[in-house]
PDB file of N, CA and C in Angstrom:
ATOM      1  N   MET A   1       6.788   0.625   4.329  1.00  0.00           N
ATOM      2  CA  MET A   1       6.632  -0.046   3.061  1.00  0.00           C
ATOM      3  C   MET A   1       5.486  -1.044   3.174  1.00  0.00           C
ATOM      4  N   ALA A   2       4.674  -1.097   2.176  1.00  0.00           N
ATOM      5  CA  ALA A   2       3.535  -2.011   2.160  1.00  0.00           C
ATOM      6  C   ALA A   2       4.003  -3.430   1.895  1.00  0.00           C
ATOM      7  N   SER A   3       3.385  -4.389   2.573  1.00  0.00           N
ATOM      8  CA  SER A   3       3.665  -5.804   2.358  1.00  0.00           C
ATOM      9  C   SER A   3       2.430  -6.447   1.739  1.00  0.00           C
ATOM     10  N   PHE A   4       2.633  -7.173   0.661  1.00  0.00           N
ATOM     11  CA  PHE A   4       1.514  -7.795  -0.037  1.00  0.00           C
ATOM     12  C   PHE A   4       1.472  -9.299   0.183  1.00  0.00           C
ATOM     13  N   ASP A   5       2.210  -9.802   1.186  1.00  0.00           N
ATOM     14  CA  ASP A   5       2.228 -11.233   1.502  1.00  0.00           C
ATOM     15  C   ASP A   5       0.836 -11.772   1.805  1.00  0.00           C
ATOM     16  N   SER A   6       0.049 -11.023   2.546  1.00  0.00           N
ATOM     17  CA  SER A   6      -1.286 -11.497   2.933  1.00  0.00           C
ATOM     18  C   SER A   6      -2.246 -11.550   1.746  1.00  0.00           C
ATOM     19  N   PHE A   7      -1.832 -10.981   0.610  1.00  0.00           N
ATOM     20  CA  PHE A   7      -2.650 -11.025  -0.603  1.00  0.00           C
ATOM     21  C   PHE A   7      -2.132 -12.066  -1.593  1.00  0.00           C
ATOM     22  N   GLY A   8      -1.112 -12.840  -1.171  1.00  0.00           N
ATOM     23  CA  GLY A   8      -0.579 -13.904  -2.012  1.00  0.00           C
ATOM     24  C   GLY A   8       0.568 -13.488  -2.912  1.00  0.00           C
ATOM     25  N   TYR A   9       1.161 -12.323  -2.665  1.00  0.00           N
ATOM     26  CA  TYR A   9       2.270 -11.838  -3.490  1.00  0.00           C
ATOM     27  C   TYR A   9       3.473 -11.520  -2.610  1.00  0.00           C
ATOM     28  N   ASN A  10       4.623 -12.154  -2.886  1.00  0.00           N
ATOM     29  CA  ASN A  10       5.870 -11.752  -2.224  1.00  0.00           C
ATOM     30  C   ASN A  10       6.288 -10.379  -2.725  1.00  0.00           C
ATOM     31  N   LYS A  11       6.199 -10.200  -4.040  1.00  0.00           N
ATOM     32  CA  LYS A  11       6.411  -8.905  -4.689  1.00  0.00           C
ATOM     33  C   LYS A  11       5.182  -8.630  -5.529  1.00  0.00           C
ATOM     34  N   LEU A  12       4.759  -7.405  -5.550  1.00  0.00           N
ATOM     35  CA  LEU A  12       3.594  -7.044  -6.350  1.00  0.00           C
ATOM     36  C   LEU A  12       3.970  -7.129  -7.833  1.00  0.00           C
ATOM     37  N   PRO A  13       3.215  -7.888  -8.640  1.00  0.00           N
ATOM     38  CA  PRO A  13       3.529  -8.015 -10.066  1.00  0.00           C
ATOM     39  C   PRO A  13       3.522  -6.659 -10.777  1.00  0.00           C
ATOM     40  N   ILE A  14       4.263  -6.588 -11.857  1.00  0.00           N
ATOM     41  CA  ILE A  14       4.479  -5.335 -12.582  1.00  0.00           C
ATOM     42  C   ILE A  14       3.209  -4.773 -13.217  1.00  0.00           C
ATOM     43  N   ASP A  15       2.199  -5.615 -13.435  1.00  0.00           N
ATOM     44  CA  ASP A  15       0.975  -5.124 -14.080  1.00  0.00           C
ATOM     45  C   ASP A  15       0.064  -4.350 -13.121  1.00  0.00           C
ATOM     46  N   PHE A  16       0.441  -4.228 -11.855  1.00  0.00           N
ATOM     47  CA  PHE A  16      -0.322  -3.429 -10.893  1.00  0.00           C
ATOM     48  C   PHE A  16       0.129  -1.972 -10.947  1.00  0.00           C
ATOM     49  N   SER A  17      -0.812  -1.068 -10.848  1.00  0.00           N
ATOM     50  CA  SER A  17      -0.536   0.357 -10.649  1.00  0.00           C
ATOM     51  C   SER A  17      -0.879   0.674  -9.206  1.00  0.00           C
ATOM     52  N   ILE A  18      -0.007   1.416  -8.537  1.00  0.00           N
ATOM     53  CA  ILE A  18      -0.220   1.758  -7.134  1.00  0.00           C
ATOM     54  C   ILE A  18      -0.621   3.224  -7.034  1.00  0.00           C
ATOM     55  N   TYR A  19      -1.704   3.463  -6.295  1.00  0.00           N
ATOM     56  CA  TYR A  19      -2.206   4.817  -6.067  1.00  0.00           C
ATOM     57  C   TYR A  19      -2.123   5.104  -4.571  1.00  0.00           C
ATOM     58  N   LEU A  20      -1.323   6.074  -4.216  1.00  0.00           N
ATOM     59  CA  LEU A  20      -1.140   6.462  -2.826  1.00  0.00           C
ATOM     60  C   LEU A  20      -2.289   7.363  -2.399  1.00  0.00           C
ATOM     61  N   ILE A  21      -2.984   6.975  -1.332  1.00  0.00           N
ATOM     62  CA  ILE A  21      -4.097   7.769  -0.811  1.00  0.00           C
ATOM     63  C   ILE A  21      -3.596   8.697   0.289  1.00  0.00           C
ATOM     64  N   ILE A  22      -2.878   8.118   1.252  1.00  0.00           N
ATOM     65  CA  ILE A  22      -2.338   8.937   2.343  1.00  0.00           C
ATOM     66  C   ILE A  22      -1.061   8.291   2.869  1.00  0.00           C
ATOM     67  N   SER A  23      -0.106   9.122   3.180  1.00  0.00           N
ATOM     68  CA  SER A  23       1.144   8.703   3.808  1.00  0.00           C
ATOM     69  C   SER A  23       1.611   9.873   4.650  1.00  0.00           C
ATOM     70  N   GLU A  24       1.469   9.730   5.950  1.00  0.00           N
ATOM     71  CA  GLU A  24       1.850  10.855   6.812  1.00  0.00           C
ATOM     72  C   GLU A  24       2.318  10.368   8.170  1.00  0.00           C
ATOM     73  N   PRO A  25       3.276  11.088   8.759  1.00  0.00           N
ATOM     74  CA  PRO A  25       3.748  10.743  10.095  1.00  0.00           C
ATOM     75  C   PRO A  25       2.754  11.223  11.153  1.00  0.00           C
ATOM     76  N   TYR A  26       2.807  10.583  12.314  1.00  0.00           N
ATOM     77  CA  TYR A  26       1.957  10.999  13.434  1.00  0.00           C
ATOM     78  C   TYR A  26       2.329  12.409  13.882  1.00  0.00           C
ATOM     79  N   LYS A  27       3.636  12.672  13.953  1.00  0.00           N
ATOM     80  CA  LYS A  27       4.146  14.008  14.279  1.00  0.00           C
ATOM     81  C   LYS A  27       4.985  14.486  13.093  1.00  0.00           C
ATOM     82  N   PRO A  28       4.996  15.777  12.820  1.00  0.00           N
ATOM     83  CA  PRO A  28       5.798  16.280  11.696  1.00  0.00           C
ATOM     84  C   PRO A  28       7.265  15.841  11.790  1.00  0.00           C
ATOM     85  N   PHE A  29       7.779  15.322  10.694  1.00  0.00           N
ATOM     86  CA  PHE A  29       9.180  14.910  10.569  1.00  0.00           C
ATOM     87  C   PHE A  29       9.564  13.756  11.491  1.00  0.00           C
ATOM     88  N   ASP A  30       8.606  13.005  12.020  1.00  0.00           N
ATOM     89  CA  ASP A  30       8.887  11.856  12.894  1.00  0.00           C
ATOM     90  C   ASP A  30       8.107  10.654  12.381  1.00  0.00           C
ATOM     91  N   TRP A  31       8.775   9.784  11.620  1.00  0.00           N
ATOM     92  CA  TRP A  31       8.107   8.634  10.995  1.00  0.00           C
ATOM     93  C   TRP A  31       8.105   7.400  11.891  1.00  0.00           C
ATOM     94  N   ASN A  32       8.360   7.556  13.199  1.00  0.00           N
ATOM     95  CA  ASN A  32       8.284   6.422  14.113  1.00  0.00           C
ATOM     96  C   ASN A  32       6.852   5.891  14.200  1.00  0.00           C
ATOM     97  N   HIS A  33       5.871   6.762  14.044  1.00  0.00           N
ATOM     98  CA  HIS A  33       4.451   6.395  14.017  1.00  0.00           C
ATOM     99  C   HIS A  33       3.804   7.156  12.866  1.00  0.00           C
ATOM    100  N   GLY A  34       2.776   6.566  12.289  1.00  0.00           N
ATOM    101  CA  GLY A  34       2.102   7.254  11.194  1.00  0.00           C
ATOM    102  C   GLY A  34       1.048   6.385  10.549  1.00  0.00           C
ATOM    103  N   LYS A  35       0.655   6.766   9.338  1.00  0.00           N
ATOM    104  CA  LYS A  35      -0.352   5.990   8.626  1.00  0.00           C
ATOM    105  C   LYS A  35      -0.058   5.975   7.133  1.00  0.00           C
ATOM    106  N   LEU A  36      -0.497   4.881   6.508  1.00  0.00           N
ATOM    107  CA  LEU A  36      -0.293   4.660   5.084  1.00  0.00           C
ATOM    108  C   LEU A  36      -1.543   4.001   4.521  1.00  0.00           C
ATOM    109  N   SER A  37      -2.050   4.526   3.431  1.00  0.00           N
ATOM    110  CA  SER A  37      -3.194   3.928   2.730  1.00  0.00           C
ATOM    111  C   SER A  37      -2.904   3.984   1.240  1.00  0.00           C
ATOM    112  N   LEU A  38      -3.153   2.873   0.565  1.00  0.00           N
ATOM    113  CA  LEU A  38      -2.945   2.838  -0.876  1.00  0.00           C
ATOM    114  C   LEU A  38      -3.873   1.828  -1.523  1.00  0.00           C
ATOM    115  N   VAL A  39      -3.974   1.936  -2.839  1.00  0.00           N
ATOM    116  CA  VAL A  39      -4.754   1.005  -3.648  1.00  0.00           C
ATOM    117  C   VAL A  39      -3.834   0.509  -4.759  1.00  0.00           C
ATOM    118  N   ALA A  40      -3.836  -0.794  -4.995  1.00  0.00           N
ATOM    119  CA  ALA A  40      -3.096  -1.382  -6.110  1.00  0.00           C
ATOM    120  C   ALA A  40      -4.129  -1.971  -7.070  1.00  0.00           C
ATOM    121  N   VAL A  41      -4.026  -1.612  -8.345  1.00  0.00           N
ATOM    122  CA  VAL A  41      -5.022  -2.023  -9.340  1.00  0.00           C
ATOM    123  C   VAL A  41      -4.329  -2.741 -10.493  1.00  0.00           C
ATOM    124  N   SER A  42      -4.873  -3.908 -10.851  1.00  0.00           N
ATOM    125  CA  SER A  42      -4.413  -4.626 -12.040  1.00  0.00           C
ATOM    126  C   SER A  42      -5.614  -4.849 -12.949  1.00  0.00           C
ATOM    127  N   LYS A  43      -5.652  -4.140 -14.068  1.00  0.00           N
ATOM    128  CA  LYS A  43      -6.722  -4.359 -15.048  1.00  0.00           C
ATOM    129  C   LYS A  43      -6.564  -5.730 -15.691  1.00  0.00           C
ATOM    130  N   GLN A  44      -5.308  -6.147 -15.897  1.00  0.00           N
ATOM    131  CA  GLN A  44      -5.012  -7.443 -16.512  1.00  0.00           C
ATOM    132  C   GLN A  44      -5.581  -8.592 -15.685  1.00  0.00           C
ATOM    133  N   ARG A  45      -5.497  -8.496 -14.361  1.00  0.00           N
ATOM    134  CA  ARG A  45      -5.974  -9.552 -13.461  1.00  0.00           C
ATOM    135  C   ARG A  45      -7.385  -9.291 -12.938  1.00  0.00           C
ATOM    136  N   SER A  46      -7.948  -8.137 -13.271  1.00  0.00           N
ATOM    137  CA  SER A  46      -9.249  -7.710 -12.723  1.00  0.00           C
ATOM    138  C   SER A  46      -9.214  -7.767 -11.198  1.00  0.00           C
ATOM    139  N   GLU A  47      -8.163  -7.169 -10.630  1.00  0.00           N
ATOM    140  CA  GLU A  47      -7.933  -7.252  -9.187  1.00  0.00           C
ATOM    141  C   GLU A  47      -7.634  -5.872  -8.615  1.00  0.00           C
ATOM    142  N   ILE A  48      -8.234  -5.600  -7.456  1.00  0.00           N
ATOM    143  CA  ILE A  48      -7.990  -4.364  -6.714  1.00  0.00           C
ATOM    144  C   ILE A  48      -7.601  -4.751  -5.296  1.00  0.00           C
ATOM    145  N   ILE A  49      -6.512  -4.187  -4.797  1.00  0.00           N
ATOM    146  CA  ILE A  49      -6.054  -4.445  -3.433  1.00  0.00           C
ATOM    147  C   ILE A  49      -6.074  -3.120  -2.680  1.00  0.00           C
ATOM    148  N   PHE A  50      -6.768  -3.095  -1.555  1.00  0.00           N
ATOM    149  CA  PHE A  50      -6.764  -1.938  -0.665  1.00  0.00           C
ATOM    150  C   PHE A  50      -5.830  -2.257   0.490  1.00  0.00           C
ATOM    151  N   PHE A  51      -4.962  -1.330   0.842  1.00  0.00           N
ATOM    152  CA  PHE A  51      -4.002  -1.544   1.916  1.00  0.00           C
ATOM    153  C   PHE A  51      -4.005  -0.319   2.817  1.00  0.00           C
ATOM    154  N   ALA A  52      -4.109  -0.550   4.122  1.00  0.00           N
ATOM    155  CA  ALA A  52      -4.042   0.539   5.099  1.00  0.00           C
ATOM    156  C   ALA A  52      -3.273   0.045   6.316  1.00  0.00           C
ATOM    157  N   LYS A  53      -2.445   0.921   6.855  1.00  0.00           N
ATOM    158  CA  LYS A  53      -1.641   0.546   8.017  1.00  0.00           C
ATOM    159  C   LYS A  53      -1.444   1.761   8.910  1.00  0.00           C
ATOM    160  N   HIS A  54      -1.651   1.572  10.192  1.00  0.00           N
ATOM    161  CA  HIS A  54      -1.322   2.580  11.213  1.00  0.00           C
ATOM    162  C   HIS A  54      -0.290   1.947  12.126  1.00  0.00           C
ATOM    163  N   TRP A  55       0.763   2.682  12.441  1.00  0.00           N
ATOM    164  CA  TRP A  55       1.790   2.149  13.323  1.00  0.00           C
ATOM    165  C   TRP A  55       2.237   3.198  14.298  1.00  0.00           C
TER     166      TRP A  55
END
């Protein structure tokens, strides 16, 4: 799950739309390691957040 704390949000406000770029496990059917990339866009706030995580 993406955390938006480092962007100043405990919870992402409702006016953001989230676009999933990639979400995949390192090994098939094993989510112990993997990668996640997404973009959150708020036209109301004129704000774009890029988020990527490898674990």
